[in-house]
Amino acid sequence: MNQQQSKNIEPDSNAPDNNSLDNNSSEKATFLQIVFSILAAAIGVQSDKNRLRDFNQSSPWPFIIGGIIFTILFVLSIIGVVMLALP
């Protein structure tokens, strides 16, 4: 490939912008944002913007603790439904 052709190559439009990542890193997620992120992760859907916000947090511990609590509550609710359904 010659130099003239390489200058015409545009960057990938789907790649995250480094400037937007730096701007979001100083903001901390609120309690509700953490809860919604955990619920979105549990069912496997989340917007790219929210995912980037979550991964730019200073500490992963709120998400880890929330995920553990959600998992325990989910398992207990399944056990409860099964116990109600079985005589």
PDB file of N, CA and C in Angstrom:
ATOM      1  N   MET A   1       0.857  -1.164   0.000  1.00  0.00           N
ATOM      2  CA  MET A   1       0.000   0.000   0.000  1.00  0.00           C
ATOM      3  C   MET A   1       0.907   1.232   0.000  1.00  0.00           C
ATOM      4  N   ASN A   2       0.594   2.184  -0.847  1.00  0.00           N
ATOM      5  CA  ASN A   2       1.438   3.373  -0.871  1.00  0.00           C
ATOM      6  C   ASN A   2       0.979   4.387   0.167  1.00  0.00           C
ATOM      7  N   GLN A   3       1.763   5.464   0.322  1.00  0.00           N
ATOM      8  CA  GLN A   3       1.468   6.436   1.385  1.00  0.00           C
ATOM      9  C   GLN A   3       0.162   7.172   1.143  1.00  0.00           C
ATOM     10  N   GLN A   4      -0.173   7.452  -0.096  1.00  0.00           N
ATOM     11  CA  GLN A   4      -1.391   8.196  -0.383  1.00  0.00           C
ATOM     12  C   GLN A   4      -2.633   7.377  -0.003  1.00  0.00           C
ATOM     13  N   GLN A   5      -2.615   6.079  -0.262  1.00  0.00           N
ATOM     14  CA  GLN A   5      -3.744   5.245   0.103  1.00  0.00           C
ATOM     15  C   GLN A   5      -3.875   5.102   1.613  1.00  0.00           C
ATOM     16  N   SER A   6      -2.762   5.024   2.333  1.00  0.00           N
ATOM     17  CA  SER A   6      -2.829   4.856   3.782  1.00  0.00           C
ATOM     18  C   SER A   6      -3.361   6.102   4.472  1.00  0.00           C
ATOM     19  N   LYS A   7      -3.235   7.273   3.876  1.00  0.00           N
ATOM     20  CA  LYS A   7      -3.765   8.499   4.476  1.00  0.00           C
ATOM     21  C   LYS A   7      -5.282   8.558   4.395  1.00  0.00           C
ATOM     22  N   ASN A   8      -5.876   7.841   3.438  1.00  0.00           N
ATOM     23  CA  ASN A   8      -7.317   7.883   3.251  1.00  0.00           C
ATOM     24  C   ASN A   8      -8.072   6.916   4.151  1.00  0.00           C
ATOM     25  N   ILE A   9      -7.378   6.091   4.897  1.00  0.00           N
ATOM     26  CA  ILE A   9      -8.032   5.140   5.789  1.00  0.00           C
ATOM     27  C   ILE A   9      -8.563   5.887   7.006  1.00  0.00           C
ATOM     28  N   GLU A  10      -9.869   5.707   7.254  1.00  0.00           N
ATOM     29  CA  GLU A  10     -10.494   6.385   8.385  1.00  0.00           C
ATOM     30  C   GLU A  10     -10.501   5.457   9.590  1.00  0.00           C
ATOM     31  N   PRO A  11     -10.444   6.016  10.801  1.00  0.00           N
ATOM     32  CA  PRO A  11     -10.507   5.171  11.995  1.00  0.00           C
ATOM     33  C   PRO A  11     -11.877   4.527  12.107  1.00  0.00           C
ATOM     34  N   ASP A  12     -11.911   3.415  12.817  1.00  0.00           N
ATOM     35  CA  ASP A  12     -13.147   2.681  13.025  1.00  0.00           C
ATOM     36  C   ASP A  12     -14.136   3.542  13.799  1.00  0.00           C
ATOM     37  N   SER A  13     -15.339   3.727  13.251  1.00  0.00           N
ATOM     38  CA  SER A  13     -16.334   4.583  13.907  1.00  0.00           C
ATOM     39  C   SER A  13     -16.932   3.916  15.136  1.00  0.00           C
ATOM     40  N   ASN A  14     -16.782   2.587  15.275  1.00  0.00           N
ATOM     41  CA  ASN A  14     -17.324   1.872  16.432  1.00  0.00           C
ATOM     42  C   ASN A  14     -16.353   1.839  17.612  1.00  0.00           C
ATOM     43  N   ALA A  15     -15.117   2.249  17.391  1.00  0.00           N
ATOM     44  CA  ALA A  15     -14.126   2.220  18.461  1.00  0.00           C
ATOM     45  C   ALA A  15     -14.451   3.305  19.488  1.00  0.00           C
ATOM     46  N   PRO A  16     -14.278   3.013  20.773  1.00  0.00           N
ATOM     47  CA  PRO A  16     -14.575   4.024  21.799  1.00  0.00           C
ATOM     48  C   PRO A  16     -13.605   5.183  21.709  1.00  0.00           C
ATOM     49  N   ASP A  17     -14.120   6.356  22.000  1.00  0.00           N
ATOM     50  CA  ASP A  17     -13.325   7.570  21.976  1.00  0.00           C
ATOM     51  C   ASP A  17     -12.592   7.697  23.308  1.00  0.00           C
ATOM     52  N   ASN A  18     -11.279   7.808  23.287  1.00  0.00           N
ATOM     53  CA  ASN A  18     -10.498   7.893  24.525  1.00  0.00           C
ATOM     54  C   ASN A  18     -10.849   9.122  25.341  1.00  0.00           C
ATOM     55  N   ASN A  19     -11.238  10.204  24.684  1.00  0.00           N
ATOM     56  CA  ASN A  19     -11.606  11.410  25.426  1.00  0.00           C
ATOM     57  C   ASN A  19     -12.873  11.188  26.237  1.00  0.00           C
ATOM     58  N   SER A  20     -13.832  10.451  25.686  1.00  0.00           N
ATOM     59  CA  SER A  20     -15.063  10.207  26.433  1.00  0.00           C
ATOM     60  C   SER A  20     -14.814   9.293  27.626  1.00  0.00           C
ATOM     61  N   LEU A  21     -13.846   8.380  27.519  1.00  0.00           N
ATOM     62  CA  LEU A  21     -13.526   7.509  28.647  1.00  0.00           C
ATOM     63  C   LEU A  21     -12.920   8.302  29.795  1.00  0.00           C
ATOM     64  N   ASP A  22     -12.059   9.257  29.483  1.00  0.00           N
ATOM     65  CA  ASP A  22     -11.426  10.057  30.524  1.00  0.00           C
ATOM     66  C   ASP A  22     -12.423  10.951  31.233  1.00  0.00           C
ATOM     67  N   ASN A  23     -13.420  11.456  30.509  1.00  0.00           N
ATOM     68  CA  ASN A  23     -14.396  12.349  31.113  1.00  0.00           C
ATOM     69  C   ASN A  23     -15.296  11.614  32.099  1.00  0.00           C
ATOM     70  N   ASN A  24     -15.597  10.352  31.844  1.00  0.00           N
ATOM     71  CA  ASN A  24     -16.511   9.609  32.704  1.00  0.00           C
ATOM     72  C   ASN A  24     -15.830   8.990  33.913  1.00  0.00           C
ATOM     73  N   SER A  25     -14.501   8.912  33.917  1.00  0.00           N
ATOM     74  CA  SER A  25     -13.823   8.197  34.987  1.00  0.00           C
ATOM     75  C   SER A  25     -13.909   8.912  36.328  1.00  0.00           C
ATOM     76  N   SER A  26     -14.156  10.223  36.331  1.00  0.00           N
ATOM     77  CA  SER A  26     -14.216  10.945  37.592  1.00  0.00           C
ATOM     78  C   SER A  26     -15.595  10.843  38.241  1.00  0.00           C
ATOM     79  N   GLU A  27     -16.623  10.436  37.482  1.00  0.00           N
ATOM     80  CA  GLU A  27     -17.966  10.335  38.028  1.00  0.00           C
ATOM     81  C   GLU A  27     -18.162   8.974  38.681  1.00  0.00           C
ATOM     82  N   LYS A  28     -18.743   8.977  39.872  1.00  0.00           N
ATOM     83  CA  LYS A  28     -19.042   7.720  40.556  1.00  0.00           C
ATOM     84  C   LYS A  28     -20.481   7.340  40.249  1.00  0.00           C
ATOM     85  N   ALA A  29     -20.702   6.058  40.118  1.00  0.00           N
ATOM     86  CA  ALA A  29     -22.052   5.558  39.850  1.00  0.00           C
ATOM     87  C   ALA A  29     -22.896   5.679  41.115  1.00  0.00           C
ATOM     88  N   THR A  30     -24.147   6.045  40.925  1.00  0.00           N
ATOM     89  CA  THR A  30     -25.064   6.125  42.057  1.00  0.00           C
ATOM     90  C   THR A  30     -25.544   4.721  42.412  1.00  0.00           C
ATOM     91  N   PHE A  31     -26.223   4.603  43.538  1.00  0.00           N
ATOM     92  CA  PHE A  31     -26.738   3.316  43.985  1.00  0.00           C
ATOM     93  C   PHE A  31     -27.678   2.709  42.940  1.00  0.00           C
ATOM     94  N   LEU A  32     -28.591   3.529  42.400  1.00  0.00           N
ATOM     95  CA  LEU A  32     -29.527   3.017  41.404  1.00  0.00           C
ATOM     96  C   LEU A  32     -28.825   2.604  40.119  1.00  0.00           C
ATOM     97  N   GLN A  33     -27.792   3.335  39.713  1.00  0.00           N
ATOM     98  CA  GLN A  33     -27.040   2.947  38.524  1.00  0.00           C
ATOM     99  C   GLN A  33     -26.363   1.595  38.718  1.00  0.00           C
ATOM    100  N   ILE A  34     -25.843   1.363  39.916  1.00  0.00           N
ATOM    101  CA  ILE A  34     -25.211   0.080  40.217  1.00  0.00           C
ATOM    102  C   ILE A  34     -26.256  -1.039  40.191  1.00  0.00           C
ATOM    103  N   VAL A  35     -27.422  -0.807  40.788  1.00  0.00           N
ATOM    104  CA  VAL A  35     -28.488  -1.810  40.802  1.00  0.00           C
ATOM    105  C   VAL A  35     -28.928  -2.132  39.377  1.00  0.00           C
ATOM    106  N   PHE A  36     -29.158  -1.103  38.555  1.00  0.00           N
ATOM    107  CA  PHE A  36     -29.583  -1.342  37.173  1.00  0.00           C
ATOM    108  C   PHE A  36     -28.495  -2.047  36.365  1.00  0.00           C
ATOM    109  N   SER A  37     -27.236  -1.745  36.635  1.00  0.00           N
ATOM    110  CA  SER A  37     -26.144  -2.422  35.938  1.00  0.00           C
ATOM    111  C   SER A  37     -26.093  -3.900  36.314  1.00  0.00           C
ATOM    112  N   ILE A  38     -26.323  -4.205  37.582  1.00  0.00           N
ATOM    113  CA  ILE A  38     -26.324  -5.598  38.033  1.00  0.00           C
ATOM    114  C   ILE A  38     -27.493  -6.357  37.410  1.00  0.00           C
ATOM    115  N   LEU A  39     -28.675  -5.732  37.379  1.00  0.00           N
ATOM    116  CA  LEU A  39     -29.833  -6.381  36.758  1.00  0.00           C
ATOM    117  C   LEU A  39     -29.619  -6.576  35.265  1.00  0.00           C
ATOM    118  N   ALA A  40     -29.043  -5.585  34.595  1.00  0.00           N
ATOM    119  CA  ALA A  40     -28.765  -5.710  33.160  1.00  0.00           C
ATOM    120  C   ALA A  40     -27.749  -6.812  32.903  1.00  0.00           C
ATOM    121  N   ALA A  41     -26.757  -6.920  33.775  1.00  0.00           N
ATOM    122  CA  ALA A  41     -25.765  -7.991  33.630  1.00  0.00           C
ATOM    123  C   ALA A  41     -26.401  -9.356  33.864  1.00  0.00           C
ATOM    124  N   ALA A  42     -27.362  -9.426  34.771  1.00  0.00           N
ATOM    125  CA  ALA A  42     -28.007 -10.707  35.077  1.00  0.00           C
ATOM    126  C   ALA A  42     -28.790 -11.243  33.886  1.00  0.00           C
ATOM    127  N   ILE A  43     -29.416 -10.346  33.123  1.00  0.00           N
ATOM    128  CA  ILE A  43     -30.187 -10.826  31.966  1.00  0.00           C
ATOM    129  C   ILE A  43     -29.405 -10.675  30.667  1.00  0.00           C
ATOM    130  N   GLY A  44     -28.219 -10.089  30.733  1.00  0.00           N
ATOM    131  CA  GLY A  44     -27.323 -10.054  29.574  1.00  0.00           C
ATOM    132  C   GLY A  44     -27.520  -8.919  28.610  1.00  0.00           C
ATOM    133  N   VAL A  45     -28.148  -7.842  29.044  1.00  0.00           N
ATOM    134  CA  VAL A  45     -28.314  -6.678  28.164  1.00  0.00           C
ATOM    135  C   VAL A  45     -27.845  -5.426  28.887  1.00  0.00           C
ATOM    136  N   GLN A  46     -27.074  -4.617  28.186  1.00  0.00           N
ATOM    137  CA  GLN A  46     -26.651  -3.335  28.733  1.00  0.00           C
ATOM    138  C   GLN A  46     -26.112  -2.480  27.598  1.00  0.00           C
ATOM    139  N   SER A  47     -26.358  -1.188  27.682  1.00  0.00           N
ATOM    140  CA  SER A  47     -25.864  -0.303  26.628  1.00  0.00           C
ATOM    141  C   SER A  47     -24.348  -0.147  26.752  1.00  0.00           C
ATOM    142  N   ASP A  48     -23.731   0.162  25.644  1.00  0.00           N
ATOM    143  CA  ASP A  48     -22.279   0.331  25.622  1.00  0.00           C
ATOM    144  C   ASP A  48     -21.854   1.495  26.520  1.00  0.00           C
ATOM    145  N   LYS A  49     -22.661   2.556  26.539  1.00  0.00           N
ATOM    146  CA  LYS A  49     -22.353   3.721  27.368  1.00  0.00           C
ATOM    147  C   LYS A  49     -22.313   3.341  28.848  1.00  0.00           C
ATOM    148  N   ASN A  50     -23.304   2.570  29.289  1.00  0.00           N
ATOM    149  CA  ASN A  50     -23.346   2.151  30.697  1.00  0.00           C
ATOM    150  C   ASN A  50     -22.230   1.173  31.022  1.00  0.00           C
ATOM    151  N   ARG A  51     -21.916   0.298  30.084  1.00  0.00           N
ATOM    152  CA  ARG A  51     -20.817  -0.647  30.306  1.00  0.00           C
ATOM    153  C   ARG A  51     -19.502   0.090  30.476  1.00  0.00           C
ATOM    154  N   LEU A  52     -19.257   1.088  29.642  1.00  0.00           N
ATOM    155  CA  LEU A  52     -18.029   1.878  29.764  1.00  0.00           C
ATOM    156  C   LEU A  52     -18.002   2.643  31.090  1.00  0.00           C
ATOM    157  N   ARG A  53     -19.159   3.172  31.500  1.00  0.00           N
ATOM    158  CA  ARG A  53     -19.230   3.884  32.776  1.00  0.00           C
ATOM    159  C   ARG A  53     -18.878   2.946  33.923  1.00  0.00           C
ATOM    160  N   ASP A  54     -19.413   1.724  33.871  1.00  0.00           N
ATOM    161  CA  ASP A  54     -19.169   0.762  34.945  1.00  0.00           C
ATOM    162  C   ASP A  54     -17.705   0.345  35.014  1.00  0.00           C
ATOM    163  N   PHE A  55     -17.089   0.111  33.863  1.00  0.00           N
ATOM    164  CA  PHE A  55     -15.706  -0.345  33.849  1.00  0.00           C
ATOM    165  C   PHE A  55     -14.712   0.771  34.141  1.00  0.00           C
ATOM    166  N   ASN A  56     -15.165   2.020  34.150  1.00  0.00           N
ATOM    167  CA  ASN A  56     -14.285   3.133  34.473  1.00  0.00           C
ATOM    168  C   ASN A  56     -14.408   3.582  35.924  1.00  0.00           C
ATOM    169  N   GLN A  57     -15.131   2.822  36.741  1.00  0.00           N
ATOM    170  CA  GLN A  57     -15.257   3.149  38.156  1.00  0.00           C
ATOM    171  C   GLN A  57     -13.928   2.887  38.857  1.00  0.00           C
ATOM    172  N   SER A  58     -13.714   3.614  39.935  1.00  0.00           N
ATOM    173  CA  SER A  58     -12.452   3.460  40.669  1.00  0.00           C
ATOM    174  C   SER A  58     -12.379   2.130  41.409  1.00  0.00           C
ATOM    175  N   SER A  59     -13.522   1.569  41.783  1.00  0.00           N
ATOM    176  CA  SER A  59     -13.519   0.317  42.539  1.00  0.00           C
ATOM    177  C   SER A  59     -14.588  -0.632  41.997  1.00  0.00           C
ATOM    178  N   PRO A  60     -14.237  -1.891  41.799  1.00  0.00           N
ATOM    179  CA  PRO A  60     -15.240  -2.861  41.339  1.00  0.00           C
ATOM    180  C   PRO A  60     -16.078  -3.440  42.476  1.00  0.00           C
ATOM    181  N   TRP A  61     -15.729  -3.149  43.725  1.00  0.00           N
ATOM    182  CA  TRP A  61     -16.376  -3.787  44.869  1.00  0.00           C
ATOM    183  C   TRP A  61     -17.878  -3.578  44.950  1.00  0.00           C
ATOM    184  N   PRO A  62     -18.428  -2.397  44.648  1.00  0.00           N
ATOM    185  CA  PRO A  62     -19.898  -2.288  44.696  1.00  0.00           C
ATOM    186  C   PRO A  62     -20.592  -3.252  43.742  1.00  0.00           C
ATOM    187  N   PHE A  63     -19.994  -3.483  42.570  1.00  0.00           N
ATOM    188  CA  PHE A  63     -20.583  -4.395  41.595  1.00  0.00           C
ATOM    189  C   PHE A  63     -20.422  -5.850  42.035  1.00  0.00           C
ATOM    190  N   ILE A  64     -19.283  -6.168  42.631  1.00  0.00           N
ATOM    191  CA  ILE A  64     -19.041  -7.538  43.105  1.00  0.00           C
ATOM    192  C   ILE A  64     -19.995  -7.880  44.239  1.00  0.00           C
ATOM    193  N   ILE A  65     -20.088  -6.995  45.219  1.00  0.00           N
ATOM    194  CA  ILE A  65     -20.972  -7.234  46.368  1.00  0.00           C
ATOM    195  C   ILE A  65     -22.426  -7.280  45.912  1.00  0.00           C
ATOM    196  N   GLY A  66     -22.817  -6.364  45.041  1.00  0.00           N
ATOM    197  CA  GLY A  66     -24.186  -6.363  44.515  1.00  0.00           C
ATOM    198  C   GLY A  66     -24.499  -7.621  43.733  1.00  0.00           C
ATOM    199  N   GLY A  67     -23.535  -8.095  42.956  1.00  0.00           N
ATOM    200  CA  GLY A  67     -23.737  -9.326  42.192  1.00  0.00           C
ATOM    201  C   GLY A  67     -23.907 -10.535  43.091  1.00  0.00           C
ATOM    202  N   ILE A  68     -23.125 -10.585  44.164  1.00  0.00           N
ATOM    203  CA  ILE A  68     -23.253 -11.694  45.118  1.00  0.00           C
ATOM    204  C   ILE A  68     -24.611 -11.653  45.809  1.00  0.00           C
ATOM    205  N   ILE A  69     -25.031 -10.462  46.239  1.00  0.00           N
ATOM    206  CA  ILE A  69     -26.337 -10.322  46.899  1.00  0.00           C
ATOM    207  C   ILE A  69     -27.456 -10.709  45.931  1.00  0.00           C
ATOM    208  N   PHE A  70     -27.364 -10.238  44.677  1.00  0.00           N
ATOM    209  CA  PHE A  70     -28.390 -10.585  43.688  1.00  0.00           C
ATOM    210  C   PHE A  70     -28.447 -12.092  43.469  1.00  0.00           C
ATOM    211  N   THR A  71     -27.297 -12.732  43.368  1.00  0.00           N
ATOM    212  CA  THR A  71     -27.252 -14.178  43.133  1.00  0.00           C
ATOM    213  C   THR A  71     -27.890 -14.945  44.282  1.00  0.00           C
ATOM    214  N   ILE A  72     -27.575 -14.542  45.515  1.00  0.00           N
ATOM    215  CA  ILE A  72     -28.163 -15.201  46.689  1.00  0.00           C
ATOM    216  C   ILE A  72     -29.677 -15.026  46.701  1.00  0.00           C
ATOM    217  N   LEU A  73     -30.149 -13.797  46.438  1.00  0.00           N
ATOM    218  CA  LEU A  73     -31.595 -13.553  46.423  1.00  0.00           C
ATOM    219  C   LEU A  73     -32.276 -14.318  45.294  1.00  0.00           C
ATOM    220  N   PHE A  74     -31.633 -14.414  44.150  1.00  0.00           N
ATOM    221  CA  PHE A  74     -32.196 -15.147  43.017  1.00  0.00           C
ATOM    222  C   PHE A  74     -32.327 -16.632  43.342  1.00  0.00           C
ATOM    223  N   VAL A  75     -31.281 -17.219  43.900  1.00  0.00           N
ATOM    224  CA  VAL A  75     -31.314 -18.642  44.248  1.00  0.00           C
ATOM    225  C   VAL A  75     -32.371 -18.899  45.325  1.00  0.00           C
ATOM    226  N   LEU A  76     -32.444 -18.033  46.339  1.00  0.00           N
ATOM    227  CA  LEU A  76     -33.452 -18.206  47.386  1.00  0.00           C
ATOM    228  C   LEU A  76     -34.869 -18.074  46.829  1.00  0.00           C
ATOM    229  N   SER A  77     -35.066 -17.170  45.866  1.00  0.00           N
ATOM    230  CA  SER A  77     -36.404 -17.030  45.277  1.00  0.00           C
ATOM    231  C   SER A  77     -36.770 -18.255  44.453  1.00  0.00           C
ATOM    232  N   ILE A  78     -35.810 -18.827  43.739  1.00  0.00           N
ATOM    233  CA  ILE A  78     -36.083 -20.057  42.982  1.00  0.00           C
ATOM    234  C   ILE A  78     -36.430 -21.197  43.941  1.00  0.00           C
ATOM    235  N   ILE A  79     -35.690 -21.324  45.026  1.00  0.00           N
ATOM    236  CA  ILE A  79     -35.970 -22.361  46.033  1.00  0.00           C
ATOM    237  C   ILE A  79     -37.365 -22.152  46.611  1.00  0.00           C
ATOM    238  N   GLY A  80     -37.722 -20.909  46.894  1.00  0.00           N
ATOM    239  CA  GLY A  80     -39.038 -20.599  47.440  1.00  0.00           C
ATOM    240  C   GLY A  80     -40.171 -20.947  46.485  1.00  0.00           C
ATOM    241  N   VAL A  81     -39.991 -20.659  45.201  1.00  0.00           N
ATOM    242  CA  VAL A  81     -41.014 -20.991  44.217  1.00  0.00           C
ATOM    243  C   VAL A  81     -41.156 -22.501  44.092  1.00  0.00           C
ATOM    244  N   VAL A  82     -40.058 -23.223  44.092  1.00  0.00           N
ATOM    245  CA  VAL A  82     -40.104 -24.688  43.996  1.00  0.00           C
ATOM    246  C   VAL A  82     -40.790 -25.275  45.239  1.00  0.00           C
ATOM    247  N   MET A  83     -40.480 -24.738  46.410  1.00  0.00           N
ATOM    248  CA  MET A  83     -41.112 -25.246  47.638  1.00  0.00           C
ATOM    249  C   MET A  83     -42.617 -24.974  47.655  1.00  0.00           C
ATOM    250  N   LEU A  84     -43.026 -23.855  47.073  1.00  0.00           N
ATOM    251  CA  LEU A  84     -44.465 -23.568  46.992  1.00  0.00           C
ATOM    252  C   LEU A  84     -45.156 -24.476  45.987  1.00  0.00           C
ATOM    253  N   ALA A  85     -44.455 -24.811  44.913  1.00  0.00           N
ATOM    254  CA  ALA A  85     -45.062 -25.637  43.858  1.00  0.00           C
ATOM    255  C   ALA A  85     -45.157 -27.102  44.250  1.00  0.00           C
ATOM    256  N   LEU A  86     -44.213 -27.576  45.038  1.00  0.00           N
ATOM    257  CA  LEU A  86     -44.231 -28.969  45.455  1.00  0.00           C
ATOM    258  C   LEU A  86     -45.001 -29.108  46.763  1.00  0.00           C
ATOM    259  N   PRO A  87     -45.845 -30.126  46.862  1.00  0.00           N
ATOM    260  CA  PRO A  87     -46.630 -30.285  48.117  1.00  0.00           C
ATOM    261  C   PRO A  87     -45.778 -30.761  49.271  1.00  0.00           C
TER     262      PRO A  87
END
